[in-house]
Amino acid sequence: METIKLNIDLSVNQLIEAVKQLSPKDRLKVNDAIWNEDIEIPVEHQQIVLERMAKAKTNPERLLDWDEVSKTI
């Protein structure tokens, strides 16, 4: 396994450019390392989603079709 030792300050853009230089296989490893972390969704956010889902079920006519909406943007 390759290791990279860095002790430098990087901006986000510089980090992105460095990652772009990796092989596709290594880019996927970076992606997996970032997104495979357990991300806890705050209870407040969960409640908002549940409330919106309930509203959609009780009043489905209030929902807009994305294909139609995207034409007006």
PDB file of N, CA and C in Angstrom:
ATOM      1  N   MET A   1       0.842  -1.187   0.000  1.00  0.00           N
ATOM      2  CA  MET A   1       0.000   0.000   0.000  1.00  0.00           C
ATOM      3  C   MET A   1       0.877   1.237   0.000  1.00  0.00           C
ATOM      4  N   GLU A   2       0.551   2.172  -0.888  1.00  0.00           N
ATOM      5  CA  GLU A   2       1.298   3.416  -0.952  1.00  0.00           C
ATOM      6  C   GLU A   2       0.891   4.345   0.169  1.00  0.00           C
ATOM      7  N   THR A   3       1.820   5.079   0.680  1.00  0.00           N
ATOM      8  CA  THR A   3       1.499   6.100   1.663  1.00  0.00           C
ATOM      9  C   THR A   3       2.031   7.434   1.163  1.00  0.00           C
ATOM     10  N   ILE A   4       1.332   8.458   1.529  1.00  0.00           N
ATOM     11  CA  ILE A   4       1.734   9.811   1.169  1.00  0.00           C
ATOM     12  C   ILE A   4       1.846  10.601   2.462  1.00  0.00           C
ATOM     13  N   LYS A   5       2.991  11.201   2.673  1.00  0.00           N
ATOM     14  CA  LYS A   5       3.181  12.025   3.861  1.00  0.00           C
ATOM     15  C   LYS A   5       3.225  13.481   3.425  1.00  0.00           C
ATOM     16  N   LEU A   6       2.299  14.244   3.962  1.00  0.00           N
ATOM     17  CA  LEU A   6       2.233  15.662   3.656  1.00  0.00           C
ATOM     18  C   LEU A   6       2.304  16.470   4.936  1.00  0.00           C
ATOM     19  N   ASN A   7       3.063  17.513   4.907  1.00  0.00           N
ATOM     20  CA  ASN A   7       3.113  18.435   6.031  1.00  0.00           C
ATOM     21  C   ASN A   7       3.113  19.844   5.463  1.00  0.00           C
ATOM     22  N   ILE A   8       2.059  20.130   4.680  1.00  0.00           N
ATOM     23  CA  ILE A   8       1.961  21.422   4.017  1.00  0.00           C
ATOM     24  C   ILE A   8       0.533  21.940   4.145  1.00  0.00           C
ATOM     25  N   ASP A   9       0.397  23.244   4.045  1.00  0.00           N
ATOM     26  CA  ASP A   9      -0.924  23.863   4.042  1.00  0.00           C
ATOM     27  C   ASP A   9      -1.459  23.852   2.622  1.00  0.00           C
ATOM     28  N   LEU A  10      -2.693  23.402   2.470  1.00  0.00           N
ATOM     29  CA  LEU A  10      -3.335  23.380   1.161  1.00  0.00           C
ATOM     30  C   LEU A  10      -4.683  24.078   1.240  1.00  0.00           C
ATOM     31  N   SER A  11      -5.003  24.822   0.201  1.00  0.00           N
ATOM     32  CA  SER A  11      -6.360  25.341   0.102  1.00  0.00           C
ATOM     33  C   SER A  11      -7.237  24.203  -0.406  1.00  0.00           C
ATOM     34  N   VAL A  12      -8.526  24.371  -0.329  1.00  0.00           N
ATOM     35  CA  VAL A  12      -9.442  23.349  -0.833  1.00  0.00           C
ATOM     36  C   VAL A  12      -9.198  23.137  -2.322  1.00  0.00           C
ATOM     37  N   ASN A  13      -9.022  24.214  -3.065  1.00  0.00           N
ATOM     38  CA  ASN A  13      -8.785  24.088  -4.505  1.00  0.00           C
ATOM     39  C   ASN A  13      -7.493  23.333  -4.795  1.00  0.00           C
ATOM     40  N   GLN A  14      -6.458  23.579  -4.013  1.00  0.00           N
ATOM     41  CA  GLN A  14      -5.203  22.860  -4.201  1.00  0.00           C
ATOM     42  C   GLN A  14      -5.381  21.374  -3.884  1.00  0.00           C
ATOM     43  N   LEU A  15      -6.145  21.082  -2.850  1.00  0.00           N
ATOM     44  CA  LEU A  15      -6.413  19.693  -2.502  1.00  0.00           C
ATOM     45  C   LEU A  15      -7.182  18.999  -3.622  1.00  0.00           C
ATOM     46  N   ILE A  16      -8.176  19.686  -4.169  1.00  0.00           N
ATOM     47  CA  ILE A  16      -8.945  19.126  -5.279  1.00  0.00           C
ATOM     48  C   ILE A  16      -8.026  18.841  -6.465  1.00  0.00           C
ATOM     49  N   GLU A  17      -7.152  19.772  -6.781  1.00  0.00           N
ATOM     50  CA  GLU A  17      -6.221  19.562  -7.896  1.00  0.00           C
ATOM     51  C   GLU A  17      -5.290  18.382  -7.619  1.00  0.00           C
ATOM     52  N   ALA A  18      -4.875  18.214  -6.379  1.00  0.00           N
ATOM     53  CA  ALA A  18      -4.019  17.076  -6.033  1.00  0.00           C
ATOM     54  C   ALA A  18      -4.780  15.762  -6.206  1.00  0.00           C
ATOM     55  N   VAL A  19      -6.023  15.728  -5.778  1.00  0.00           N
ATOM     56  CA  VAL A  19      -6.833  14.510  -5.900  1.00  0.00           C
ATOM     57  C   VAL A  19      -7.078  14.188  -7.367  1.00  0.00           C
ATOM     58  N   LYS A  20      -7.253  15.205  -8.196  1.00  0.00           N
ATOM     59  CA  LYS A  20      -7.467  14.979  -9.623  1.00  0.00           C
ATOM     60  C   LYS A  20      -6.274  14.281 -10.278  1.00  0.00           C
ATOM     61  N   GLN A  21      -5.112  14.398  -9.680  1.00  0.00           N
ATOM     62  CA  GLN A  21      -3.918  13.776 -10.238  1.00  0.00           C
ATOM     63  C   GLN A  21      -3.803  12.295  -9.872  1.00  0.00           C
ATOM     64  N   LEU A  22      -4.662  11.831  -8.984  1.00  0.00           N
ATOM     65  CA  LEU A  22      -4.642  10.426  -8.591  1.00  0.00           C
ATOM     66  C   LEU A  22      -5.250   9.561  -9.686  1.00  0.00           C
ATOM     67  N   SER A  23      -4.934   8.300  -9.618  1.00  0.00           N
ATOM     68  CA  SER A  23      -5.543   7.351 -10.550  1.00  0.00           C
ATOM     69  C   SER A  23      -7.031   7.229 -10.220  1.00  0.00           C
ATOM     70  N   PRO A  24      -7.829   6.785 -11.180  1.00  0.00           N
ATOM     71  CA  PRO A  24      -9.255   6.604 -10.889  1.00  0.00           C
ATOM     72  C   PRO A  24      -9.497   5.692  -9.674  1.00  0.00           C
ATOM     73  N   LYS A  25      -8.702   4.656  -9.538  1.00  0.00           N
ATOM     74  CA  LYS A  25      -8.847   3.735  -8.407  1.00  0.00           C
ATOM     75  C   LYS A  25      -8.592   4.458  -7.085  1.00  0.00           C
ATOM     76  N   ASP A  26      -7.557   5.287  -7.053  1.00  0.00           N
ATOM     77  CA  ASP A  26      -7.249   6.024  -5.823  1.00  0.00           C
ATOM     78  C   ASP A  26      -8.264   7.132  -5.552  1.00  0.00           C
ATOM     79  N   ARG A  27      -8.816   7.736  -6.607  1.00  0.00           N
ATOM     80  CA  ARG A  27      -9.876   8.727  -6.418  1.00  0.00           C
ATOM     81  C   ARG A  27     -11.085   8.083  -5.748  1.00  0.00           C
ATOM     82  N   LEU A  28     -11.416   6.869  -6.179  1.00  0.00           N
ATOM     83  CA  LEU A  28     -12.538   6.163  -5.561  1.00  0.00           C
ATOM     84  C   LEU A  28     -12.261   5.869  -4.092  1.00  0.00           C
ATOM     85  N   LYS A  29     -11.018   5.554  -3.775  1.00  0.00           N
ATOM     86  CA  LYS A  29     -10.661   5.320  -2.369  1.00  0.00           C
ATOM     87  C   LYS A  29     -10.872   6.587  -1.545  1.00  0.00           C
ATOM     88  N   VAL A  30     -10.472   7.727  -2.098  1.00  0.00           N
ATOM     89  CA  VAL A  30     -10.669   9.008  -1.402  1.00  0.00           C
ATOM     90  C   VAL A  30     -12.159   9.272  -1.230  1.00  0.00           C
ATOM     91  N   ASN A  31     -12.923   9.057  -2.299  1.00  0.00           N
ATOM     92  CA  ASN A  31     -14.363   9.256  -2.242  1.00  0.00           C
ATOM     93  C   ASN A  31     -14.990   8.361  -1.171  1.00  0.00           C
ATOM     94  N   ASP A  32     -14.609   7.100  -1.154  1.00  0.00           N
ATOM     95  CA  ASP A  32     -15.153   6.174  -0.158  1.00  0.00           C
ATOM     96  C   ASP A  32     -14.782   6.602   1.259  1.00  0.00           C
ATOM     97  N   ALA A  33     -13.560   7.072   1.432  1.00  0.00           N
ATOM     98  CA  ALA A  33     -13.126   7.495   2.759  1.00  0.00           C
ATOM     99  C   ALA A  33     -13.941   8.683   3.252  1.00  0.00           C
ATOM    100  N   ILE A  34     -14.323   9.551   2.340  1.00  0.00           N
ATOM    101  CA  ILE A  34     -15.101  10.739   2.710  1.00  0.00           C
ATOM    102  C   ILE A  34     -16.551  10.375   2.988  1.00  0.00           C
ATOM    103  N   TRP A  35     -17.171   9.601   2.093  1.00  0.00           N
ATOM    104  CA  TRP A  35     -18.607   9.387   2.159  1.00  0.00           C
ATOM    105  C   TRP A  35     -19.033   8.157   2.929  1.00  0.00           C
ATOM    106  N   ASN A  36     -18.114   7.302   3.306  1.00  0.00           N
ATOM    107  CA  ASN A  36     -18.495   6.102   4.055  1.00  0.00           C
ATOM    108  C   ASN A  36     -18.511   6.328   5.560  1.00  0.00           C
ATOM    109  N   GLU A  37     -18.270   7.546   5.971  1.00  0.00           N
ATOM    110  CA  GLU A  37     -18.358   7.851   7.394  1.00  0.00           C
ATOM    111  C   GLU A  37     -19.822   7.855   7.813  1.00  0.00           C
ATOM    112  N   ASP A  38     -20.061   7.456   9.026  1.00  0.00           N
ATOM    113  CA  ASP A  38     -21.422   7.526   9.541  1.00  0.00           C
ATOM    114  C   ASP A  38     -21.747   8.984   9.828  1.00  0.00           C
ATOM    115  N   ILE A  39     -22.699   9.495   9.086  1.00  0.00           N
ATOM    116  CA  ILE A  39     -23.114  10.881   9.264  1.00  0.00           C
ATOM    117  C   ILE A  39     -24.447  10.871  10.000  1.00  0.00           C
ATOM    118  N   GLU A  40     -24.456  11.497  11.139  1.00  0.00           N
ATOM    119  CA  GLU A  40     -25.677  11.532  11.933  1.00  0.00           C
ATOM    120  C   GLU A  40     -26.532  12.713  11.502  1.00  0.00           C
ATOM    121  N   ILE A  41     -27.761  12.414  11.141  1.00  0.00           N
ATOM    122  CA  ILE A  41     -28.697  13.458  10.736  1.00  0.00           C
ATOM    123  C   ILE A  41     -29.395  13.965  11.990  1.00  0.00           C
ATOM    124  N   PRO A  42     -29.331  15.271  12.236  1.00  0.00           N
ATOM    125  CA  PRO A  42     -29.975  15.815  13.438  1.00  0.00           C
ATOM    126  C   PRO A  42     -31.463  15.472  13.492  1.00  0.00           C
ATOM    127  N   VAL A  43     -31.957  15.235  14.685  1.00  0.00           N
ATOM    128  CA  VAL A  43     -33.358  14.879  14.889  1.00  0.00           C
ATOM    129  C   VAL A  43     -34.276  15.950  14.301  1.00  0.00           C
ATOM    130  N   GLU A  44     -33.875  17.201  14.430  1.00  0.00           N
ATOM    131  CA  GLU A  44     -34.688  18.298  13.901  1.00  0.00           C
ATOM    132  C   GLU A  44     -34.860  18.167  12.387  1.00  0.00           C
ATOM    133  N   HIS A  45     -33.795  17.790  11.694  1.00  0.00           N
ATOM    134  CA  HIS A  45     -33.859  17.624  10.244  1.00  0.00           C
ATOM    135  C   HIS A  45     -34.725  16.423   9.879  1.00  0.00           C
ATOM    136  N   GLN A  46     -34.591  15.361  10.644  1.00  0.00           N
ATOM    137  CA  GLN A  46     -35.421  14.184  10.411  1.00  0.00           C
ATOM    138  C   GLN A  46     -36.897  14.540  10.563  1.00  0.00           C
ATOM    139  N   GLN A  47     -37.210  15.337  11.572  1.00  0.00           N
ATOM    140  CA  GLN A  47     -38.595  15.738  11.823  1.00  0.00           C
ATOM    141  C   GLN A  47     -39.152  16.560  10.667  1.00  0.00           C
ATOM    142  N   ILE A  48     -38.343  17.453  10.121  1.00  0.00           N
ATOM    143  CA  ILE A  48     -38.777  18.268   8.985  1.00  0.00           C
ATOM    144  C   ILE A  48     -39.130  17.370   7.804  1.00  0.00           C
ATOM    145  N   VAL A  49     -38.284  16.394   7.525  1.00  0.00           N
ATOM    146  CA  VAL A  49     -38.539  15.480   6.404  1.00  0.00           C
ATOM    147  C   VAL A  49     -39.817  14.691   6.652  1.00  0.00           C
ATOM    148  N   LEU A  50     -39.986  14.184   7.861  1.00  0.00           N
ATOM    149  CA  LEU A  50     -41.192  13.410   8.171  1.00  0.00           C
ATOM    150  C   LEU A  50     -42.454  14.261   8.024  1.00  0.00           C
ATOM    151  N   GLU A  51     -42.386  15.518   8.451  1.00  0.00           N
ATOM    152  CA  GLU A  51     -43.532  16.420   8.313  1.00  0.00           C
ATOM    153  C   GLU A  51     -43.853  16.676   6.841  1.00  0.00           C
ATOM    154  N   ARG A  52     -42.822  16.871   6.028  1.00  0.00           N
ATOM    155  CA  ARG A  52     -43.042  17.110   4.604  1.00  0.00           C
ATOM    156  C   ARG A  52     -43.621  15.867   3.921  1.00  0.00           C
ATOM    157  N   MET A  53     -43.156  14.699   4.320  1.00  0.00           N
ATOM    158  CA  MET A  53     -43.692  13.465   3.744  1.00  0.00           C
ATOM    159  C   MET A  53     -45.167  13.298   4.109  1.00  0.00           C
ATOM    160  N   ALA A  54     -45.507  13.635   5.342  1.00  0.00           N
ATOM    161  CA  ALA A  54     -46.904  13.533   5.777  1.00  0.00           C
ATOM    162  C   ALA A  54     -47.782  14.497   4.987  1.00  0.00           C
ATOM    163  N   LYS A  55     -47.299  15.734   4.784  1.00  0.00           N
ATOM    164  CA  LYS A  55     -48.052  16.714   4.001  1.00  0.00           C
ATOM    165  C   LYS A  55     -48.252  16.223   2.570  1.00  0.00           C
ATOM    166  N   ALA A  56     -47.224  15.613   2.001  1.00  0.00           N
ATOM    167  CA  ALA A  56     -47.316  15.110   0.625  1.00  0.00           C
ATOM    168  C   ALA A  56     -48.334  13.992   0.524  1.00  0.00           C
ATOM    169  N   LYS A  57     -48.417  13.152   1.543  1.00  0.00           N
ATOM    170  CA  LYS A  57     -49.378  12.050   1.523  1.00  0.00           C
ATOM    171  C   LYS A  57     -50.808  12.548   1.672  1.00  0.00           C
ATOM    172  N   THR A  58     -50.996  13.562   2.505  1.00  0.00           N
ATOM    173  CA  THR A  58     -52.361  14.048   2.732  1.00  0.00           C
ATOM    174  C   THR A  58     -52.834  14.983   1.625  1.00  0.00           C
ATOM    175  N   ASN A  59     -51.908  15.656   0.961  1.00  0.00           N
ATOM    176  CA  ASN A  59     -52.264  16.588  -0.123  1.00  0.00           C
ATOM    177  C   ASN A  59     -51.356  16.375  -1.340  1.00  0.00           C
ATOM    178  N   PRO A  60     -51.467  15.252  -2.011  1.00  0.00           N
ATOM    179  CA  PRO A  60     -50.563  14.996  -3.139  1.00  0.00           C
ATOM    180  C   PRO A  60     -50.709  16.000  -4.283  1.00  0.00           C
ATOM    181  N   GLU A  61     -51.844  16.678  -4.353  1.00  0.00           N
ATOM    182  CA  GLU A  61     -52.048  17.655  -5.422  1.00  0.00           C
ATOM    183  C   GLU A  61     -51.171  18.892  -5.267  1.00  0.00           C
ATOM    184  N   ARG A  62     -50.622  19.091  -4.068  1.00  0.00           N
ATOM    185  CA  ARG A  62     -49.762  20.259  -3.856  1.00  0.00           C
ATOM    186  C   ARG A  62     -48.350  20.040  -4.396  1.00  0.00           C
ATOM    187  N   LEU A  63     -48.030  18.782  -4.755  1.00  0.00           N
ATOM    188  CA  LEU A  63     -46.706  18.474  -5.284  1.00  0.00           C
ATOM    189  C   LEU A  63     -46.620  18.885  -6.744  1.00  0.00           C
ATOM    190  N   LEU A  64     -45.451  19.336  -7.140  1.00  0.00           N
ATOM    191  CA  LEU A  64     -45.236  19.764  -8.509  1.00  0.00           C
ATOM    192  C   LEU A  64     -44.388  18.732  -9.249  1.00  0.00           C
ATOM    193  N   ASP A  65     -44.664  18.554 -10.515  1.00  0.00           N
ATOM    194  CA  ASP A  65     -43.905  17.644 -11.353  1.00  0.00           C
ATOM    195  C   ASP A  65     -42.582  18.308 -11.743  1.00  0.00           C
ATOM    196  N   TRP A  66     -41.460  17.630 -11.492  1.00  0.00           N
ATOM    197  CA  TRP A  66     -40.149  18.226 -11.748  1.00  0.00           C
ATOM    198  C   TRP A  66     -39.970  18.589 -13.217  1.00  0.00           C
ATOM    199  N   ASP A  67     -40.427  17.753 -14.124  1.00  0.00           N
ATOM    200  CA  ASP A  67     -40.278  18.058 -15.545  1.00  0.00           C
ATOM    201  C   ASP A  67     -40.962  19.370 -15.905  1.00  0.00           C
ATOM    202  N   GLU A  68     -42.122  19.612 -15.334  1.00  0.00           N
ATOM    203  CA  GLU A  68     -42.845  20.859 -15.599  1.00  0.00           C
ATOM    204  C   GLU A  68     -42.158  22.050 -14.927  1.00  0.00           C
ATOM    205  N   VAL A  69     -41.742  21.873 -13.696  1.00  0.00           N
ATOM    206  CA  VAL A  69     -41.088  22.971 -12.966  1.00  0.00           C
ATOM    207  C   VAL A  69     -39.773  23.352 -13.628  1.00  0.00           C
ATOM    208  N   SER A  70     -38.998  22.360 -14.063  1.00  0.00           N
ATOM    209  CA  SER A  70     -37.684  22.646 -14.643  1.00  0.00           C
ATOM    210  C   SER A  70     -37.795  23.471 -15.920  1.00  0.00           C
ATOM    211  N   LYS A  71     -38.934  23.405 -16.592  1.00  0.00           N
ATOM    212  CA  LYS A  71     -39.128  24.208 -17.808  1.00  0.00           C
ATOM    213  C   LYS A  71     -39.270  25.691 -17.501  1.00  0.00           C
ATOM    214  N   THR A  72     -39.666  26.016 -16.268  1.00  0.00           N
ATOM    215  CA  THR A  72     -39.893  27.420 -15.908  1.00  0.00           C
ATOM    216  C   THR A  72     -38.668  28.061 -15.259  1.00  0.00           C
ATOM    217  N   ILE A  73     -37.653  27.274 -15.043  1.00  0.00           N
ATOM    218  CA  ILE A  73     -36.448  27.810 -14.377  1.00  0.00           C
ATOM    219  C   ILE A  73     -35.527  28.455 -15.384  1.00  0.00           C
TER     220      ILE A  73
END
